[in-house]
Amino acid sequence: LLEARNAAIREAAANFFPALKPKQKADALAIL
């Protein structure tokens, strides 16, 4: 389950925040 969650997080960050740096992606995704 954790592997699936982590893959979904990576995919969401890549798809919805492609131009951001990892910290910015993480901040945006955490808020959402």
PDB file of all heavy atoms in Angstrom:
ATOM      1  N   LEU A   1       0.823  -1.215   0.000  1.00  0.00           N
ATOM      2  CA  LEU A   1       0.000   0.000   0.000  1.00  0.00           C
ATOM      3  C   LEU A   1       0.858   1.267   0.000  1.00  0.00           C
ATOM      4  O   LEU A   1       0.553   2.237  -0.695  1.00  0.00           O
ATOM      5  CB  LEU A   1      -0.942   0.014   1.198  1.00  0.00           C
ATOM      6  CG  LEU A   1      -2.121  -0.944   1.119  1.00  0.00           C
ATOM      7  CD1 LEU A   1      -2.861  -1.000   2.456  1.00  0.00           C
ATOM      8  CD2 LEU A   1      -3.074  -0.533   0.006  1.00  0.00           C
ATOM      9  N   LEU A   2       1.940   1.247   0.762  1.00  0.00           N
ATOM     10  CA  LEU A   2       2.823   2.411   0.805  1.00  0.00           C
ATOM     11  C   LEU A   2       3.508   2.627  -0.543  1.00  0.00           C
ATOM     12  O   LEU A   2       3.651   3.766  -0.996  1.00  0.00           O
ATOM     13  CB  LEU A   2       3.862   2.263   1.920  1.00  0.00           C
ATOM     14  CG  LEU A   2       3.311   2.358   3.338  1.00  0.00           C
ATOM     15  CD1 LEU A   2       4.400   2.071   4.357  1.00  0.00           C
ATOM     16  CD2 LEU A   2       2.677   3.711   3.590  1.00  0.00           C
ATOM     17  N   GLU A   3       3.926   1.551  -1.183  1.00  0.00           N
ATOM     18  CA  GLU A   3       4.528   1.677  -2.511  1.00  0.00           C
ATOM     19  C   GLU A   3       3.526   2.258  -3.499  1.00  0.00           C
ATOM     20  O   GLU A   3       3.878   3.111  -4.318  1.00  0.00           O
ATOM     21  CB  GLU A   3       5.046   0.323  -3.002  1.00  0.00           C
ATOM     22  CG  GLU A   3       6.304  -0.129  -2.301  1.00  0.00           C
ATOM     23  CD  GLU A   3       6.746  -1.534  -2.707  1.00  0.00           C
ATOM     24  OE1 GLU A   3       5.974  -2.258  -3.384  1.00  0.00           O
ATOM     25  OE2 GLU A   3       7.863  -1.895  -2.342  1.00  0.00           O
ATOM     26  N   ALA A   4       2.273   1.788  -3.437  1.00  0.00           N
ATOM     27  CA  ALA A   4       1.237   2.306  -4.333  1.00  0.00           C
ATOM     28  C   ALA A   4       0.961   3.779  -4.046  1.00  0.00           C
ATOM     29  O   ALA A   4       0.805   4.588  -4.974  1.00  0.00           O
ATOM     30  CB  ALA A   4      -0.037   1.486  -4.196  1.00  0.00           C
ATOM     31  N   ARG A   5       0.895   4.142  -2.765  1.00  0.00           N
ATOM     32  CA  ARG A   5       0.674   5.548  -2.395  1.00  0.00           C
ATOM     33  C   ARG A   5       1.821   6.412  -2.894  1.00  0.00           C
ATOM     34  O   ARG A   5       1.606   7.471  -3.488  1.00  0.00           O
ATOM     35  CB  ARG A   5       0.559   5.682  -0.876  1.00  0.00           C
ATOM     36  CG  ARG A   5       0.384   7.144  -0.442  1.00  0.00           C
ATOM     37  CD  ARG A   5       0.855   7.421   0.956  1.00  0.00           C
ATOM     38  NE  ARG A   5       2.284   7.208   1.110  1.00  0.00           N
ATOM     39  CZ  ARG A   5       2.897   7.163   2.288  1.00  0.00           C
ATOM     40  NH1 ARG A   5       2.206   7.290   3.403  1.00  0.00           N
ATOM     41  NH2 ARG A   5       4.192   6.976   2.369  1.00  0.00           N
ATOM     42  N   ASN A   6       3.049   5.961  -2.682  1.00  0.00           N
ATOM     43  CA  ASN A   6       4.211   6.745  -3.090  1.00  0.00           C
ATOM     44  C   ASN A   6       4.268   6.916  -4.610  1.00  0.00           C
ATOM     45  O   ASN A   6       4.601   7.993  -5.106  1.00  0.00           O
ATOM     46  CB  ASN A   6       5.489   6.114  -2.567  1.00  0.00           C
ATOM     47  CG  ASN A   6       5.578   6.184  -1.056  1.00  0.00           C
ATOM     48  OD1 ASN A   6       4.739   6.801  -0.404  1.00  0.00           O
ATOM     49  ND2 ASN A   6       6.573   5.545  -0.489  1.00  0.00           N
ATOM     50  N   ALA A   7       3.913   5.863  -5.332  1.00  0.00           N
ATOM     51  CA  ALA A   7       3.878   5.960  -6.800  1.00  0.00           C
ATOM     52  C   ALA A   7       2.817   6.970  -7.229  1.00  0.00           C
ATOM     53  O   ALA A   7       3.042   7.763  -8.163  1.00  0.00           O
ATOM     54  CB  ALA A   7       3.606   4.591  -7.411  1.00  0.00           C
ATOM     55  N   ALA A   8       1.668   6.960  -6.555  1.00  0.00           N
ATOM     56  CA  ALA A   8       0.595   7.907  -6.881  1.00  0.00           C
ATOM     57  C   ALA A   8       1.030   9.343  -6.563  1.00  0.00           C
ATOM     58  O   ALA A   8       0.704  10.269  -7.315  1.00  0.00           O
ATOM     59  CB  ALA A   8      -0.684   7.548  -6.117  1.00  0.00           C
ATOM     60  N   ILE A   9       1.772   9.529  -5.499  1.00  0.00           N
ATOM     61  CA  ILE A   9       2.283  10.863  -5.145  1.00  0.00           C
ATOM     62  C   ILE A   9       3.261  11.341  -6.211  1.00  0.00           C
ATOM     63  O   ILE A   9       3.184  12.485  -6.672  1.00  0.00           O
ATOM     64  CB  ILE A   9       2.933  10.841  -3.739  1.00  0.00           C
ATOM     65  CG1 ILE A   9       1.847  10.758  -2.677  1.00  0.00           C
ATOM     66  CG2 ILE A   9       3.834  12.062  -3.524  1.00  0.00           C
ATOM     67  CD1 ILE A   9       2.362  10.528  -1.272  1.00  0.00           C
ATOM     68  N   ARG A  10       4.186  10.470  -6.613  1.00  0.00           N
ATOM     69  CA  ARG A  10       5.160  10.850  -7.642  1.00  0.00           C
ATOM     70  C   ARG A  10       4.469  11.200  -8.958  1.00  0.00           C
ATOM     71  O   ARG A  10       4.829  12.169  -9.629  1.00  0.00           O
ATOM     72  CB  ARG A  10       6.161   9.717  -7.855  1.00  0.00           C
ATOM     73  CG  ARG A  10       7.135   9.558  -6.727  1.00  0.00           C
ATOM     74  CD  ARG A  10       8.200   8.502  -7.054  1.00  0.00           C
ATOM     75  NE  ARG A  10       8.877   8.131  -5.835  1.00  0.00           N
ATOM     76  CZ  ARG A  10       8.616   7.031  -5.125  1.00  0.00           C
ATOM     77  NH1 ARG A  10       7.720   6.167  -5.553  1.00  0.00           N
ATOM     78  NH2 ARG A  10       9.267   6.790  -4.012  1.00  0.00           N
ATOM     79  N   GLU A  11       3.473  10.395  -9.315  1.00  0.00           N
ATOM     80  CA  GLU A  11       2.752  10.636 -10.562  1.00  0.00           C
ATOM     81  C   GLU A  11       1.978  11.951 -10.508  1.00  0.00           C
ATOM     82  O   GLU A  11       1.998  12.735 -11.457  1.00  0.00           O
ATOM     83  CB  GLU A  11       1.806   9.474 -10.855  1.00  0.00           C
ATOM     84  CG  GLU A  11       1.130   9.582 -12.200  1.00  0.00           C
ATOM     85  CD  GLU A  11       0.283   8.369 -12.519  1.00  0.00           C
ATOM     86  OE1 GLU A  11       0.492   7.297 -11.930  1.00  0.00           O
ATOM     87  OE2 GLU A  11      -0.613   8.518 -13.376  1.00  0.00           O
ATOM     88  N   ALA A  12       1.312  12.212  -9.390  1.00  0.00           N
ATOM     89  CA  ALA A  12       0.556  13.464  -9.248  1.00  0.00           C
ATOM     90  C   ALA A  12       1.492  14.666  -9.309  1.00  0.00           C
ATOM     91  O   ALA A  12       1.197  15.659  -9.980  1.00  0.00           O
ATOM     92  CB  ALA A  12      -0.227  13.466  -7.934  1.00  0.00           C
ATOM     93  N   ALA A  13       2.610  14.574  -8.631  1.00  0.00           N
ATOM     94  CA  ALA A  13       3.569  15.688  -8.637  1.00  0.00           C
ATOM     95  C   ALA A  13       4.100  15.932 -10.039  1.00  0.00           C
ATOM     96  O   ALA A  13       4.213  17.089 -10.481  1.00  0.00           O
ATOM     97  CB  ALA A  13       4.715  15.386  -7.676  1.00  0.00           C
ATOM     98  N   ALA A  14       4.407  14.866 -10.769  1.00  0.00           N
ATOM     99  CA  ALA A  14       4.926  15.010 -12.130  1.00  0.00           C
ATOM    100  C   ALA A  14       3.868  15.552 -13.086  1.00  0.00           C
ATOM    101  O   ALA A  14       4.166  16.391 -13.943  1.00  0.00           O
ATOM    102  CB  ALA A  14       5.454  13.664 -12.624  1.00  0.00           C
ATOM    103  N   ASN A  15       2.628  15.084 -12.935  1.00  0.00           N
ATOM    104  CA  ASN A  15       1.567  15.489 -13.861  1.00  0.00           C
ATOM    105  C   ASN A  15       1.017  16.890 -13.603  1.00  0.00           C
ATOM    106  O   ASN A  15       0.697  17.607 -14.548  1.00  0.00           O
ATOM    107  CB  ASN A  15       0.404  14.496 -13.806  1.00  0.00           C
ATOM    108  CG  ASN A  15       0.768  13.166 -14.415  1.00  0.00           C
ATOM    109  OD1 ASN A  15       1.737  13.039 -15.153  1.00  0.00           O
ATOM    110  ND2 ASN A  15      -0.004  12.146 -14.094  1.00  0.00           N
ATOM    111  N   PHE A  16       0.876  17.252 -12.335  1.00  0.00           N
ATOM    112  CA  PHE A  16       0.207  18.510 -12.020  1.00  0.00           C
ATOM    113  C   PHE A  16       1.157  19.656 -11.671  1.00  0.00           C
ATOM    114  O   PHE A  16       0.739  20.810 -11.683  1.00  0.00           O
ATOM    115  CB  PHE A  16      -0.809  18.301 -10.891  1.00  0.00           C
ATOM    116  CG  PHE A  16      -1.924  17.379 -11.300  1.00  0.00           C
ATOM    117  CD1 PHE A  16      -1.927  16.064 -10.882  1.00  0.00           C
ATOM    118  CD2 PHE A  16      -2.936  17.819 -12.137  1.00  0.00           C
ATOM    119  CE1 PHE A  16      -2.950  15.198 -11.277  1.00  0.00           C
ATOM    120  CE2 PHE A  16      -3.955  16.970 -12.543  1.00  0.00           C
ATOM    121  CZ  PHE A  16      -3.963  15.654 -12.108  1.00  0.00           C
ATOM    122  N   PHE A  17       2.405  19.334 -11.368  1.00  0.00           N
ATOM    123  CA  PHE A  17       3.376  20.376 -11.021  1.00  0.00           C
ATOM    124  C   PHE A  17       4.712  20.132 -11.732  1.00  0.00           C
ATOM    125  O   PHE A  17       5.768  20.111 -11.091  1.00  0.00           O
ATOM    126  CB  PHE A  17       3.599  20.411  -9.503  1.00  0.00           C
ATOM    127  CG  PHE A  17       2.332  20.425  -8.704  1.00  0.00           C
ATOM    128  CD1 PHE A  17       1.931  19.306  -7.991  1.00  0.00           C
ATOM    129  CD2 PHE A  17       1.519  21.548  -8.678  1.00  0.00           C
ATOM    130  CE1 PHE A  17       0.759  19.300  -7.253  1.00  0.00           C
ATOM    131  CE2 PHE A  17       0.342  21.550  -7.954  1.00  0.00           C
ATOM    132  CZ  PHE A  17      -0.042  20.431  -7.236  1.00  0.00           C
ATOM    133  N   PRO A  18       4.700  19.950 -13.036  1.00  0.00           N
ATOM    134  CA  PRO A  18       5.927  19.555 -13.747  1.00  0.00           C
ATOM    135  C   PRO A  18       7.054  20.590 -13.681  1.00  0.00           C
ATOM    136  O   PRO A  18       8.227  20.227 -13.701  1.00  0.00           O
ATOM    137  CB  PRO A  18       5.464  19.332 -15.181  1.00  0.00           C
ATOM    138  CG  PRO A  18       4.234  20.150 -15.325  1.00  0.00           C
ATOM    139  CD  PRO A  18       3.584  20.140 -13.961  1.00  0.00           C
ATOM    140  N   ALA A  19       6.720  21.864 -13.585  1.00  0.00           N
ATOM    141  CA  ALA A  19       7.743  22.908 -13.635  1.00  0.00           C
ATOM    142  C   ALA A  19       8.329  23.250 -12.257  1.00  0.00           C
ATOM    143  O   ALA A  19       9.298  23.992 -12.177  1.00  0.00           O
ATOM    144  CB  ALA A  19       7.167  24.166 -14.270  1.00  0.00           C
ATOM    145  N   LEU A  20       7.740  22.699 -11.204  1.00  0.00           N
ATOM    146  CA  LEU A  20       8.189  23.057  -9.858  1.00  0.00           C
ATOM    147  C   LEU A  20       9.330  22.164  -9.384  1.00  0.00           C
ATOM    148  O   LEU A  20       9.493  21.036  -9.844  1.00  0.00           O
ATOM    149  CB  LEU A  20       7.022  22.949  -8.871  1.00  0.00           C
ATOM    150  CG  LEU A  20       5.811  23.837  -9.135  1.00  0.00           C
ATOM    151  CD1 LEU A  20       4.758  23.618  -8.064  1.00  0.00           C
ATOM    152  CD2 LEU A  20       6.205  25.301  -9.212  1.00  0.00           C
ATOM    153  N   LYS A  21      10.081  22.681  -8.436  1.00  0.00           N
ATOM    154  CA  LYS A  21      11.142  21.898  -7.792  1.00  0.00           C
ATOM    155  C   LYS A  21      10.495  20.951  -6.780  1.00  0.00           C
ATOM    156  O   LYS A  21       9.358  21.190  -6.348  1.00  0.00           O
ATOM    157  CB  LYS A  21      12.130  22.835  -7.103  1.00  0.00           C
ATOM    158  CG  LYS A  21      12.887  23.697  -8.080  1.00  0.00           C
ATOM    159  CD  LYS A  21      13.853  24.605  -7.381  1.00  0.00           C
ATOM    160  CE  LYS A  21      14.581  25.422  -8.433  1.00  0.00           C
ATOM    161  NZ  LYS A  21      15.544  26.329  -7.873  1.00  0.00           N
ATOM    162  N   PRO A  22      11.204  19.876  -6.368  1.00  0.00           N
ATOM    163  CA  PRO A  22      10.606  18.895  -5.449  1.00  0.00           C
ATOM    164  C   PRO A  22      10.001  19.511  -4.183  1.00  0.00           C
ATOM    165  O   PRO A  22       8.909  19.132  -3.767  1.00  0.00           O
ATOM    166  CB  PRO A  22      11.765  17.958  -5.121  1.00  0.00           C
ATOM    167  CG  PRO A  22      12.623  18.007  -6.340  1.00  0.00           C
ATOM    168  CD  PRO A  22      12.532  19.428  -6.826  1.00  0.00           C
ATOM    169  N   LYS A  23      10.676  20.467  -3.564  1.00  0.00           N
ATOM    170  CA  LYS A  23      10.128  21.073  -2.348  1.00  0.00           C
ATOM    171  C   LYS A  23       8.835  21.817  -2.651  1.00  0.00           C
ATOM    172  O   LYS A  23       7.867  21.734  -1.894  1.00  0.00           O
ATOM    173  CB  LYS A  23      11.140  22.019  -1.699  1.00  0.00           C
ATOM    174  CG  LYS A  23      10.611  22.604  -0.384  1.00  0.00           C
ATOM    175  CD  LYS A  23      11.581  23.541   0.256  1.00  0.00           C
ATOM    176  CE  LYS A  23      11.115  24.102   1.578  1.00  0.00           C
ATOM    177  NZ  LYS A  23       9.715  24.262   1.829  1.00  0.00           N
ATOM    178  N   GLN A  24       8.792  22.522  -3.765  1.00  0.00           N
ATOM    179  CA  GLN A  24       7.587  23.253  -4.151  1.00  0.00           C
ATOM    180  C   GLN A  24       6.447  22.285  -4.484  1.00  0.00           C
ATOM    181  O   GLN A  24       5.296  22.530  -4.114  1.00  0.00           O
ATOM    182  CB  GLN A  24       7.879  24.147  -5.349  1.00  0.00           C
ATOM    183  CG  GLN A  24       8.861  25.263  -5.050  1.00  0.00           C
ATOM    184  CD  GLN A  24       9.340  25.949  -6.319  1.00  0.00           C
ATOM    185  OE1 GLN A  24       9.596  25.299  -7.330  1.00  0.00           O
ATOM    186  NE2 GLN A  24       9.473  27.276  -6.249  1.00  0.00           N
ATOM    187  N   LYS A  25       6.776  21.192  -5.168  1.00  0.00           N
ATOM    188  CA  LYS A  25       5.772  20.169  -5.474  1.00  0.00           C
ATOM    189  C   LYS A  25       5.199  19.604  -4.184  1.00  0.00           C
ATOM    190  O   LYS A  25       3.995  19.433  -4.044  1.00  0.00           O
ATOM    191  CB  LYS A  25       6.387  19.035  -6.292  1.00  0.00           C
ATOM    192  CG  LYS A  25       6.743  19.394  -7.699  1.00  0.00           C
ATOM    193  CD  LYS A  25       7.380  18.195  -8.411  1.00  0.00           C
ATOM    194  CE  LYS A  25       7.814  18.574  -9.809  1.00  0.00           C
ATOM    195  NZ  LYS A  25       8.317  17.423 -10.566  1.00  0.00           N
ATOM    196  N   ALA A  26       6.100  19.298  -3.242  1.00  0.00           N
ATOM    197  CA  ALA A  26       5.684  18.713  -1.966  1.00  0.00           C
ATOM    198  C   ALA A  26       4.792  19.675  -1.188  1.00  0.00           C
ATOM    199  O   ALA A  26       3.770  19.269  -0.633  1.00  0.00           O
ATOM    200  CB  ALA A  26       6.909  18.331  -1.137  1.00  0.00           C
ATOM    201  N   ASP A  27       5.173  20.936  -1.149  1.00  0.00           N
ATOM    202  CA  ASP A  27       4.364  21.934  -0.442  1.00  0.00           C
ATOM    203  C   ASP A  27       2.966  22.038  -1.050  1.00  0.00           C
ATOM    204  O   ASP A  27       1.961  22.023  -0.336  1.00  0.00           O
ATOM    205  CB  ASP A  27       5.047  23.306  -0.485  1.00  0.00           C
ATOM    206  CG  ASP A  27       6.307  23.380   0.360  1.00  0.00           C
ATOM    207  OD1 ASP A  27       6.503  22.494   1.233  1.00  0.00           O
ATOM    208  OD2 ASP A  27       7.120  24.304   0.137  1.00  0.00           O
ATOM    209  N   ALA A  28       2.909  22.126  -2.379  1.00  0.00           N
ATOM    210  CA  ALA A  28       1.618  22.265  -3.059  1.00  0.00           C
ATOM    211  C   ALA A  28       0.755  21.024  -2.849  1.00  0.00           C
ATOM    212  O   ALA A  28      -0.439  21.128  -2.534  1.00  0.00           O
ATOM    213  CB  ALA A  28       1.848  22.514  -4.551  1.00  0.00           C
ATOM    214  N   LEU A  29       1.357  19.863  -3.000  1.00  0.00           N
ATOM    215  CA  LEU A  29       0.601  18.621  -2.856  1.00  0.00           C
ATOM    216  C   LEU A  29       0.120  18.423  -1.418  1.00  0.00           C
ATOM    217  O   LEU A  29      -1.008  17.976  -1.191  1.00  0.00           O
ATOM    218  CB  LEU A  29       1.458  17.436  -3.311  1.00  0.00           C
ATOM    219  CG  LEU A  29       0.744  16.162  -3.688  1.00  0.00           C
ATOM    220  CD1 LEU A  29      -0.404  16.393  -4.649  1.00  0.00           C
ATOM    221  CD2 LEU A  29       1.730  15.169  -4.277  1.00  0.00           C
ATOM    222  N   ALA A  30       0.943  18.777  -0.440  1.00  0.00           N
ATOM    223  CA  ALA A  30       0.541  18.645   0.967  1.00  0.00           C
ATOM    224  C   ALA A  30      -0.665  19.527   1.275  1.00  0.00           C
ATOM    225  O   ALA A  30      -1.601  19.098   1.957  1.00  0.00           O
ATOM    226  CB  ALA A  30       1.706  18.999   1.885  1.00  0.00           C
ATOM    227  N   ILE A  31      -0.649  20.749   0.765  1.00  0.00           N
ATOM    228  CA  ILE A  31      -1.776  21.663   0.987  1.00  0.00           C
ATOM    229  C   ILE A  31      -3.045  21.094   0.365  1.00  0.00           C
ATOM    230  O   ILE A  31      -4.109  21.061   0.994  1.00  0.00           O
ATOM    231  CB  ILE A  31      -1.459  23.069   0.422  1.00  0.00           C
ATOM    232  CG1 ILE A  31      -0.394  23.747   1.284  1.00  0.00           C
ATOM    233  CG2 ILE A  31      -2.720  23.924   0.340  1.00  0.00           C
ATOM    234  CD1 ILE A  31       0.211  24.995   0.655  1.00  0.00           C
ATOM    235  N   LEU A  32      -2.929  20.625  -0.873  1.00  0.00           N
ATOM    236  CA  LEU A  32      -4.096  20.097  -1.572  1.00  0.00           C
ATOM    237  C   LEU A  32      -4.619  18.817  -0.909  1.00  0.00           C
ATOM    238  O   LEU A  32      -5.836  18.628  -0.793  1.00  0.00           O
ATOM    239  CB  LEU A  32      -3.756  19.840  -3.037  1.00  0.00           C
ATOM    240  CG  LEU A  32      -3.506  21.109  -3.856  1.00  0.00           C
ATOM    241  CD1 LEU A  32      -2.908  20.759  -5.210  1.00  0.00           C
ATOM    242  CD2 LEU A  32      -4.785  21.906  -4.008  1.00  0.00           C
TER     243      LEU A  32
END
